[in-house]
Amino acid sequence: MARKAGLIAWLTPVLLTLWVGALWMTGITASVLFQTIADRPLAGLVAGKLFTIVSYIGIGSGLWLLIQRLGTDGFSAFKQSLFWIVLVMWVLVLVGEFGIQPLLAQLKASALPNDVMQSVFASRFKTWHGIASVAYLVECLLGLWLVIKSS
């Protein structure tokens, strides 16, 4: 049993670091992509793939962190701010990946053969992309707060 407790103690900070680090690094990388790659649709495609990878890291890590906290503290986990920070971050990931991202993909597909930004869908795409960006920024800031509070 001591070995299992050691695994849990070791895995939790590693997953937290992986998730929050991936969030921040991908946000920075996306900015660099758009400054480096002249073909904006290509830069957006690469950035989108990176954001998808980070979303799946967040889904797995967030689920582990929530289950681990509930398993360790039971229902008293609902009284802890760290639990709620993780839950909000996890919900933001789910909404982004399974709500907003499919909508953005549909708008891009509807614009074909043109680029979505040169189509009648440009305004809706910008609006939803802006919502996704704000949600991502909130997730990054909550992640930073989570790292600070858990250290």
N, C-alpha and C. Protein backbone atom coordinates (compact mmCIF):
# COMPACT_ATOMS: atom_id res chain seq x y z
N MET A 1 0.82 -1.20 0.00
CA MET A 1 0.00 0.00 0.00
C MET A 1 0.86 1.26 0.00
N ALA A 2 2.02 1.21 0.65
CA ALA A 2 2.91 2.38 0.70
C ALA A 2 3.40 2.73 -0.70
N ARG A 3 3.64 1.71 -1.53
CA ARG A 3 4.08 1.98 -2.89
C ARG A 3 3.00 2.71 -3.69
N LYS A 4 1.73 2.30 -3.52
CA LYS A 4 0.62 2.95 -4.20
C LYS A 4 0.50 4.41 -3.77
N ALA A 5 0.64 4.67 -2.48
CA ALA A 5 0.58 6.04 -1.97
C ALA A 5 1.72 6.86 -2.54
N GLY A 6 2.90 6.25 -2.69
CA GLY A 6 4.04 6.94 -3.28
C GLY A 6 3.80 7.30 -4.73
N LEU A 7 3.15 6.41 -5.48
CA LEU A 7 2.83 6.67 -6.88
C LEU A 7 1.85 7.84 -6.98
N ILE A 8 0.85 7.83 -6.13
CA ILE A 8 -0.12 8.91 -6.14
C ILE A 8 0.55 10.23 -5.78
N ALA A 9 1.39 10.21 -4.77
CA ALA A 9 2.09 11.43 -4.35
C ALA A 9 3.00 11.95 -5.45
N TRP A 10 3.59 11.07 -6.23
CA TRP A 10 4.52 11.46 -7.29
C TRP A 10 3.77 11.90 -8.54
N LEU A 11 2.68 11.20 -8.88
CA LEU A 11 1.97 11.45 -10.13
C LEU A 11 1.22 12.78 -10.12
N THR A 12 0.66 13.15 -9.00
CA THR A 12 -0.14 14.36 -8.92
C THR A 12 0.65 15.63 -9.30
N PRO A 13 1.81 15.90 -8.70
CA PRO A 13 2.53 17.11 -9.11
C PRO A 13 3.08 17.02 -10.54
N VAL A 14 3.40 15.82 -11.00
CA VAL A 14 3.88 15.66 -12.38
C VAL A 14 2.78 16.02 -13.36
N LEU A 15 1.57 15.52 -13.14
CA LEU A 15 0.45 15.83 -14.04
C LEU A 15 0.07 17.30 -13.99
N LEU A 16 0.11 17.89 -12.80
CA LEU A 16 -0.17 19.32 -12.67
C LEU A 16 0.86 20.13 -13.45
N THR A 17 2.11 19.77 -13.32
CA THR A 17 3.19 20.47 -14.03
C THR A 17 3.04 20.30 -15.54
N LEU A 18 2.75 19.07 -15.97
CA LEU A 18 2.58 18.79 -17.40
C LEU A 18 1.44 19.62 -17.97
N TRP A 19 0.30 19.63 -17.30
CA TRP A 19 -0.87 20.34 -17.80
C TRP A 19 -0.63 21.85 -17.88
N VAL A 20 -0.22 22.44 -16.78
CA VAL A 20 -0.06 23.89 -16.75
C VAL A 20 1.12 24.33 -17.63
N GLY A 21 2.19 23.56 -17.60
CA GLY A 21 3.32 23.87 -18.47
C GLY A 21 2.95 23.80 -19.94
N ALA A 22 2.18 22.78 -20.31
CA ALA A 22 1.75 22.62 -21.70
C ALA A 22 0.83 23.78 -22.10
N LEU A 23 -0.04 24.20 -21.20
CA LEU A 23 -0.92 25.34 -21.49
C LEU A 23 -0.11 26.58 -21.85
N TRP A 24 0.83 26.92 -20.99
CA TRP A 24 1.63 28.13 -21.19
C TRP A 24 2.54 28.01 -22.40
N MET A 25 3.19 26.87 -22.55
CA MET A 25 4.12 26.70 -23.67
C MET A 25 3.39 26.73 -25.01
N THR A 26 2.21 26.14 -25.06
CA THR A 26 1.46 26.14 -26.32
C THR A 26 0.95 27.53 -26.65
N GLY A 27 0.53 28.27 -25.66
CA GLY A 27 0.12 29.65 -25.91
C GLY A 27 1.26 30.48 -26.48
N ILE A 28 2.43 30.33 -25.92
CA ILE A 28 3.62 31.04 -26.42
C ILE A 28 3.98 30.56 -27.81
N THR A 29 3.96 29.25 -28.01
CA THR A 29 4.33 28.67 -29.31
C THR A 29 3.38 29.13 -30.40
N ALA A 30 2.09 29.19 -30.11
CA ALA A 30 1.12 29.64 -31.11
C ALA A 30 1.44 31.06 -31.57
N SER A 31 1.82 31.91 -30.63
CA SER A 31 2.19 33.28 -30.98
C SER A 31 3.39 33.28 -31.93
N VAL A 32 4.38 32.46 -31.61
CA VAL A 32 5.59 32.38 -32.45
C VAL A 32 5.24 31.83 -33.83
N LEU A 33 4.35 30.85 -33.89
CA LEU A 33 3.96 30.28 -35.19
C LEU A 33 3.41 31.35 -36.12
N PHE A 34 2.54 32.20 -35.60
CA PHE A 34 1.94 33.23 -36.45
C PHE A 34 2.92 34.34 -36.82
N GLN A 35 3.99 34.49 -36.04
CA GLN A 35 5.03 35.46 -36.39
C GLN A 35 6.04 34.87 -37.38
N THR A 36 6.11 33.54 -37.43
CA THR A 36 7.14 32.86 -38.23
C THR A 36 6.62 32.33 -39.56
N ILE A 37 5.43 31.76 -39.56
CA ILE A 37 4.88 31.15 -40.76
C ILE A 37 3.99 32.16 -41.47
N ALA A 38 4.37 32.51 -42.69
CA ALA A 38 3.63 33.53 -43.44
C ALA A 38 2.24 33.05 -43.84
N ASP A 39 2.09 31.77 -44.10
CA ASP A 39 0.81 31.19 -44.48
C ASP A 39 -0.05 31.04 -43.22
N ARG A 40 -0.94 32.00 -42.98
CA ARG A 40 -1.74 32.02 -41.74
C ARG A 40 -2.63 30.79 -41.57
N PRO A 41 -3.27 30.30 -42.65
CA PRO A 41 -4.05 29.06 -42.46
C PRO A 41 -3.18 27.88 -42.01
N LEU A 42 -1.96 27.79 -42.54
CA LEU A 42 -1.05 26.72 -42.11
C LEU A 42 -0.65 26.91 -40.65
N ALA A 43 -0.31 28.13 -40.29
CA ALA A 43 0.04 28.41 -38.90
C ALA A 43 -1.12 28.07 -37.98
N GLY A 44 -2.35 28.39 -38.40
CA GLY A 44 -3.53 28.07 -37.62
C GLY A 44 -3.74 26.57 -37.50
N LEU A 45 -3.46 25.84 -38.57
CA LEU A 45 -3.60 24.38 -38.55
C LEU A 45 -2.63 23.76 -37.55
N VAL A 46 -1.37 24.21 -37.59
CA VAL A 46 -0.36 23.68 -36.66
C VAL A 46 -0.72 24.06 -35.22
N ALA A 47 -1.11 25.30 -35.01
CA ALA A 47 -1.49 25.74 -33.66
C ALA A 47 -2.69 24.93 -33.16
N GLY A 48 -3.66 24.70 -34.05
CA GLY A 48 -4.82 23.92 -33.67
C GLY A 48 -4.46 22.51 -33.23
N LYS A 49 -3.52 21.89 -33.92
CA LYS A 49 -3.06 20.55 -33.54
C LYS A 49 -2.42 20.59 -32.15
N LEU A 50 -1.60 21.60 -31.91
CA LEU A 50 -0.96 21.74 -30.59
C LEU A 50 -2.00 21.94 -29.49
N PHE A 51 -2.99 22.78 -29.75
CA PHE A 51 -4.03 23.02 -28.76
C PHE A 51 -4.84 21.75 -28.48
N THR A 52 -5.05 20.93 -29.51
CA THR A 52 -5.76 19.67 -29.31
C THR A 52 -4.97 18.73 -28.40
N ILE A 53 -3.66 18.65 -28.64
CA ILE A 53 -2.82 17.81 -27.78
C ILE A 53 -2.90 18.29 -26.33
N VAL A 54 -2.81 19.60 -26.14
CA VAL A 54 -2.87 20.17 -24.79
C VAL A 54 -4.24 19.92 -24.16
N SER A 55 -5.28 19.94 -24.97
CA SER A 55 -6.62 19.66 -24.44
C SER A 55 -6.69 18.24 -23.90
N TYR A 56 -6.15 17.29 -24.63
CA TYR A 56 -6.19 15.91 -24.14
C TYR A 56 -5.30 15.71 -22.92
N ILE A 57 -4.19 16.42 -22.86
CA ILE A 57 -3.38 16.40 -21.64
C ILE A 57 -4.21 16.94 -20.47
N GLY A 58 -4.93 18.03 -20.70
CA GLY A 58 -5.76 18.63 -19.66
C GLY A 58 -6.92 17.74 -19.25
N ILE A 59 -7.54 17.08 -20.20
CA ILE A 59 -8.67 16.19 -19.88
C ILE A 59 -8.18 15.06 -18.97
N GLY A 60 -7.08 14.43 -19.35
CA GLY A 60 -6.55 13.33 -18.54
C GLY A 60 -6.02 13.79 -17.20
N SER A 61 -5.22 14.84 -17.22
CA SER A 61 -4.63 15.35 -15.98
C SER A 61 -5.70 15.86 -15.02
N GLY A 62 -6.64 16.64 -15.56
CA GLY A 62 -7.71 17.19 -14.72
C GLY A 62 -8.55 16.10 -14.10
N LEU A 63 -8.87 15.09 -14.88
CA LEU A 63 -9.66 13.97 -14.35
C LEU A 63 -8.90 13.28 -13.23
N TRP A 64 -7.61 13.03 -13.46
CA TRP A 64 -6.79 12.39 -12.40
C TRP A 64 -6.77 13.26 -11.14
N LEU A 65 -6.52 14.56 -11.30
CA LEU A 65 -6.43 15.45 -10.14
C LEU A 65 -7.74 15.51 -9.37
N LEU A 66 -8.86 15.51 -10.08
CA LEU A 66 -10.16 15.54 -9.40
C LEU A 66 -10.42 14.23 -8.67
N ILE A 67 -10.17 13.12 -9.34
CA ILE A 67 -10.39 11.81 -8.71
C ILE A 67 -9.45 11.62 -7.52
N GLN A 68 -8.21 12.02 -7.70
CA GLN A 68 -7.22 11.88 -6.62
C GLN A 68 -7.66 12.69 -5.40
N ARG A 69 -8.11 13.91 -5.62
CA ARG A 69 -8.53 14.77 -4.50
C ARG A 69 -9.76 14.18 -3.81
N LEU A 70 -10.72 13.70 -4.60
CA LEU A 70 -11.91 13.08 -4.01
C LEU A 70 -11.55 11.79 -3.27
N GLY A 71 -10.64 11.02 -3.85
CA GLY A 71 -10.22 9.78 -3.19
C GLY A 71 -9.48 10.03 -1.90
N THR A 72 -8.70 11.08 -1.85
CA THR A 72 -7.92 11.41 -0.66
C THR A 72 -8.77 12.08 0.42
N ASP A 73 -9.59 13.04 0.01
CA ASP A 73 -10.31 13.86 0.98
C ASP A 73 -11.81 13.60 1.05
N GLY A 74 -12.34 12.77 0.19
CA GLY A 74 -13.78 12.50 0.19
C GLY A 74 -14.57 13.75 -0.13
N PHE A 75 -15.72 13.86 0.48
CA PHE A 75 -16.60 15.00 0.19
C PHE A 75 -16.05 16.33 0.69
N SER A 76 -15.07 16.30 1.58
CA SER A 76 -14.49 17.57 2.03
C SER A 76 -13.67 18.22 0.91
N ALA A 77 -13.39 17.49 -0.17
CA ALA A 77 -12.71 18.08 -1.32
C ALA A 77 -13.54 19.23 -1.90
N PHE A 78 -14.87 19.14 -1.78
CA PHE A 78 -15.75 20.18 -2.32
C PHE A 78 -15.61 21.50 -1.56
N LYS A 79 -14.94 21.48 -0.43
CA LYS A 79 -14.73 22.69 0.36
C LYS A 79 -13.37 23.33 0.06
N GLN A 80 -12.59 22.72 -0.82
CA GLN A 80 -11.22 23.17 -1.08
C GLN A 80 -11.16 23.97 -2.37
N SER A 81 -10.50 25.11 -2.30
CA SER A 81 -10.39 25.95 -3.49
C SER A 81 -9.59 25.26 -4.59
N LEU A 82 -8.59 24.47 -4.25
CA LEU A 82 -7.80 23.78 -5.27
C LEU A 82 -8.67 22.83 -6.09
N PHE A 83 -9.60 22.15 -5.44
CA PHE A 83 -10.52 21.26 -6.16
C PHE A 83 -11.33 22.05 -7.17
N TRP A 84 -11.86 23.20 -6.75
CA TRP A 84 -12.70 24.00 -7.63
C TRP A 84 -11.91 24.63 -8.77
N ILE A 85 -10.67 25.01 -8.52
CA ILE A 85 -9.83 25.54 -9.59
C ILE A 85 -9.63 24.47 -10.66
N VAL A 86 -9.29 23.27 -10.23
CA VAL A 86 -9.09 22.17 -11.18
C VAL A 86 -10.39 21.88 -11.93
N LEU A 87 -11.51 21.88 -11.22
CA LEU A 87 -12.79 21.59 -11.86
C LEU A 87 -13.14 22.63 -12.92
N VAL A 88 -12.93 23.90 -12.60
CA VAL A 88 -13.22 24.96 -13.58
C VAL A 88 -12.29 24.82 -14.79
N MET A 89 -11.01 24.57 -14.54
CA MET A 89 -10.07 24.37 -15.64
C MET A 89 -10.49 23.20 -16.52
N TRP A 90 -10.90 22.12 -15.88
CA TRP A 90 -11.29 20.91 -16.60
C TRP A 90 -12.54 21.16 -17.44
N VAL A 91 -13.50 21.88 -16.88
CA VAL A 91 -14.71 22.21 -17.64
C VAL A 91 -14.36 23.12 -18.83
N LEU A 92 -13.46 24.07 -18.63
CA LEU A 92 -13.03 24.93 -19.73
C LEU A 92 -12.40 24.12 -20.85
N VAL A 93 -11.60 23.11 -20.49
CA VAL A 93 -10.99 22.24 -21.51
C VAL A 93 -12.08 21.51 -22.29
N LEU A 94 -13.02 20.93 -21.57
CA LEU A 94 -14.09 20.17 -22.22
C LEU A 94 -14.93 21.06 -23.14
N VAL A 95 -15.29 22.23 -22.67
CA VAL A 95 -16.08 23.16 -23.48
C VAL A 95 -15.29 23.58 -24.72
N GLY A 96 -14.01 23.86 -24.52
CA GLY A 96 -13.19 24.27 -25.66
C GLY A 96 -13.02 23.18 -26.69
N GLU A 97 -12.68 21.98 -26.23
CA GLU A 97 -12.37 20.89 -27.15
C GLU A 97 -13.61 20.29 -27.81
N PHE A 98 -14.69 20.16 -27.05
CA PHE A 98 -15.87 19.46 -27.59
C PHE A 98 -17.04 20.39 -27.91
N GLY A 99 -16.88 21.67 -27.60
CA GLY A 99 -17.92 22.64 -27.92
C GLY A 99 -17.46 23.66 -28.94
N ILE A 100 -16.45 24.43 -28.58
CA ILE A 100 -16.01 25.53 -29.43
C ILE A 100 -15.19 25.03 -30.62
N GLN A 101 -14.27 24.10 -30.41
CA GLN A 101 -13.42 23.63 -31.52
C GLN A 101 -14.24 23.03 -32.67
N PRO A 102 -15.22 22.17 -32.39
CA PRO A 102 -16.03 21.66 -33.50
C PRO A 102 -16.79 22.76 -34.25
N LEU A 103 -17.22 23.77 -33.52
CA LEU A 103 -17.91 24.90 -34.15
C LEU A 103 -16.96 25.65 -35.08
N LEU A 104 -15.74 25.89 -34.62
CA LEU A 104 -14.75 26.56 -35.47
C LEU A 104 -14.43 25.72 -36.70
N ALA A 105 -14.30 24.42 -36.52
CA ALA A 105 -14.02 23.53 -37.66
C ALA A 105 -15.17 23.55 -38.66
N GLN A 106 -16.40 23.60 -38.16
CA GLN A 106 -17.56 23.65 -39.05
C GLN A 106 -17.58 24.96 -39.83
N LEU A 107 -17.25 26.05 -39.19
CA LEU A 107 -17.20 27.33 -39.89
C LEU A 107 -16.13 27.31 -40.98
N LYS A 108 -14.97 26.72 -40.68
CA LYS A 108 -13.91 26.59 -41.69
C LYS A 108 -14.38 25.74 -42.86
N ALA A 109 -15.02 24.62 -42.56
CA ALA A 109 -15.51 23.72 -43.61
C ALA A 109 -16.58 24.39 -44.46
N SER A 110 -17.44 25.17 -43.84
CA SER A 110 -18.51 25.86 -44.56
C SER A 110 -17.95 26.92 -45.51
N ALA A 111 -16.79 27.44 -45.20
CA ALA A 111 -16.18 28.48 -46.02
C ALA A 111 -15.45 27.93 -47.24
N LEU A 112 -15.14 26.65 -47.23
CA LEU A 112 -14.37 26.06 -48.34
C LEU A 112 -15.06 26.31 -49.67
N PRO A 113 -14.31 26.57 -50.72
CA PRO A 113 -12.87 26.45 -50.87
C PRO A 113 -12.10 27.69 -50.42
N ASN A 114 -12.79 28.69 -49.93
CA ASN A 114 -12.12 29.90 -49.46
C ASN A 114 -11.62 29.72 -48.02
N ASP A 115 -10.68 30.58 -47.64
CA ASP A 115 -10.26 30.66 -46.25
C ASP A 115 -11.42 31.27 -45.46
N VAL A 116 -11.63 30.79 -44.26
CA VAL A 116 -12.75 31.26 -43.45
C VAL A 116 -12.70 32.77 -43.23
N MET A 117 -11.51 33.34 -43.18
CA MET A 117 -11.39 34.78 -42.94
C MET A 117 -11.76 35.60 -44.18
N GLN A 118 -11.88 34.95 -45.33
CA GLN A 118 -12.29 35.63 -46.55
C GLN A 118 -13.71 35.19 -46.93
N SER A 119 -14.49 34.81 -45.95
CA SER A 119 -15.83 34.30 -46.23
C SER A 119 -16.87 35.07 -45.42
N VAL A 120 -18.11 34.74 -45.66
CA VAL A 120 -19.21 35.36 -44.90
C VAL A 120 -19.21 34.88 -43.46
N PHE A 121 -18.41 33.83 -43.15
CA PHE A 121 -18.35 33.29 -41.80
C PHE A 121 -17.25 33.93 -40.95
N ALA A 122 -16.54 34.89 -41.52
CA ALA A 122 -15.40 35.50 -40.83
C ALA A 122 -15.80 36.12 -39.48
N SER A 123 -16.90 36.83 -39.45
CA SER A 123 -17.33 37.48 -38.22
C SER A 123 -17.64 36.47 -37.12
N ARG A 124 -18.39 35.42 -37.46
CA ARG A 124 -18.71 34.38 -36.47
C ARG A 124 -17.44 33.66 -36.02
N PHE A 125 -16.54 33.40 -36.98
CA PHE A 125 -15.29 32.72 -36.63
C PHE A 125 -14.49 33.57 -35.66
N LYS A 126 -14.36 34.86 -35.94
CA LYS A 126 -13.61 35.76 -35.05
C LYS A 126 -14.24 35.79 -33.65
N THR A 127 -15.56 35.85 -33.60
CA THR A 127 -16.24 35.88 -32.30
C THR A 127 -15.95 34.62 -31.50
N TRP A 128 -16.15 33.45 -32.11
CA TRP A 128 -15.93 32.20 -31.39
C TRP A 128 -14.46 31.96 -31.10
N HIS A 129 -13.58 32.40 -31.99
CA HIS A 129 -12.15 32.28 -31.74
C HIS A 129 -11.77 33.16 -30.55
N GLY A 130 -12.37 34.34 -30.47
CA GLY A 130 -12.13 35.23 -29.33
C GLY A 130 -12.61 34.63 -28.02
N ILE A 131 -13.78 34.00 -28.05
CA ILE A 131 -14.29 33.33 -26.85
C ILE A 131 -13.34 32.22 -26.44
N ALA A 132 -12.88 31.43 -27.42
CA ALA A 132 -11.94 30.35 -27.13
C ALA A 132 -10.64 30.90 -26.55
N SER A 133 -10.18 32.02 -27.07
CA SER A 133 -8.94 32.63 -26.59
C SER A 133 -9.07 33.11 -25.15
N VAL A 134 -10.19 33.73 -24.84
CA VAL A 134 -10.42 34.20 -23.46
C VAL A 134 -10.51 33.01 -22.51
N ALA A 135 -11.22 31.95 -22.92
CA ALA A 135 -11.32 30.76 -22.08
C ALA A 135 -9.94 30.14 -21.85
N TYR A 136 -9.11 30.13 -22.89
CA TYR A 136 -7.76 29.58 -22.77
C TYR A 136 -6.92 30.42 -21.82
N LEU A 137 -7.03 31.74 -21.93
CA LEU A 137 -6.30 32.64 -21.03
C LEU A 137 -6.75 32.43 -19.59
N VAL A 138 -8.05 32.30 -19.36
CA VAL A 138 -8.55 32.03 -18.01
C VAL A 138 -7.98 30.72 -17.49
N GLU A 139 -7.97 29.70 -18.35
CA GLU A 139 -7.42 28.41 -17.95
C GLU A 139 -5.94 28.54 -17.58
N CYS A 140 -5.18 29.29 -18.37
CA CYS A 140 -3.76 29.51 -18.07
C CYS A 140 -3.57 30.22 -16.73
N LEU A 141 -4.35 31.25 -16.49
CA LEU A 141 -4.23 32.00 -15.24
C LEU A 141 -4.65 31.17 -14.04
N LEU A 142 -5.73 30.39 -14.20
CA LEU A 142 -6.13 29.49 -13.12
C LEU A 142 -5.05 28.44 -12.86
N GLY A 143 -4.43 27.95 -13.93
CA GLY A 143 -3.34 26.99 -13.78
C GLY A 143 -2.17 27.59 -13.01
N LEU A 144 -1.82 28.82 -13.32
CA LEU A 144 -0.76 29.51 -12.60
C LEU A 144 -1.12 29.64 -11.12
N TRP A 145 -2.34 30.02 -10.85
CA TRP A 145 -2.83 30.16 -9.47
C TRP A 145 -2.77 28.80 -8.77
N LEU A 146 -3.15 27.75 -9.48
CA LEU A 146 -3.13 26.40 -8.92
C LEU A 146 -1.72 25.99 -8.55
N VAL A 147 -0.76 26.27 -9.42
CA VAL A 147 0.64 25.92 -9.14
C VAL A 147 1.13 26.69 -7.92
N ILE A 148 0.82 27.96 -7.85
CA ILE A 148 1.26 28.78 -6.71
C ILE A 148 0.63 28.29 -5.41
N LYS A 149 -0.68 28.02 -5.43
CA LYS A 149 -1.38 27.58 -4.20
C LYS A 149 -0.98 26.18 -3.76
N SER A 150 -0.59 25.34 -4.72
CA SER A 150 -0.27 23.95 -4.34
C SER A 150 1.19 23.76 -3.95
N SER A 151 1.98 24.81 -4.04
CA SER A 151 3.39 24.65 -3.68
C SER A 151 3.65 25.02 -2.23
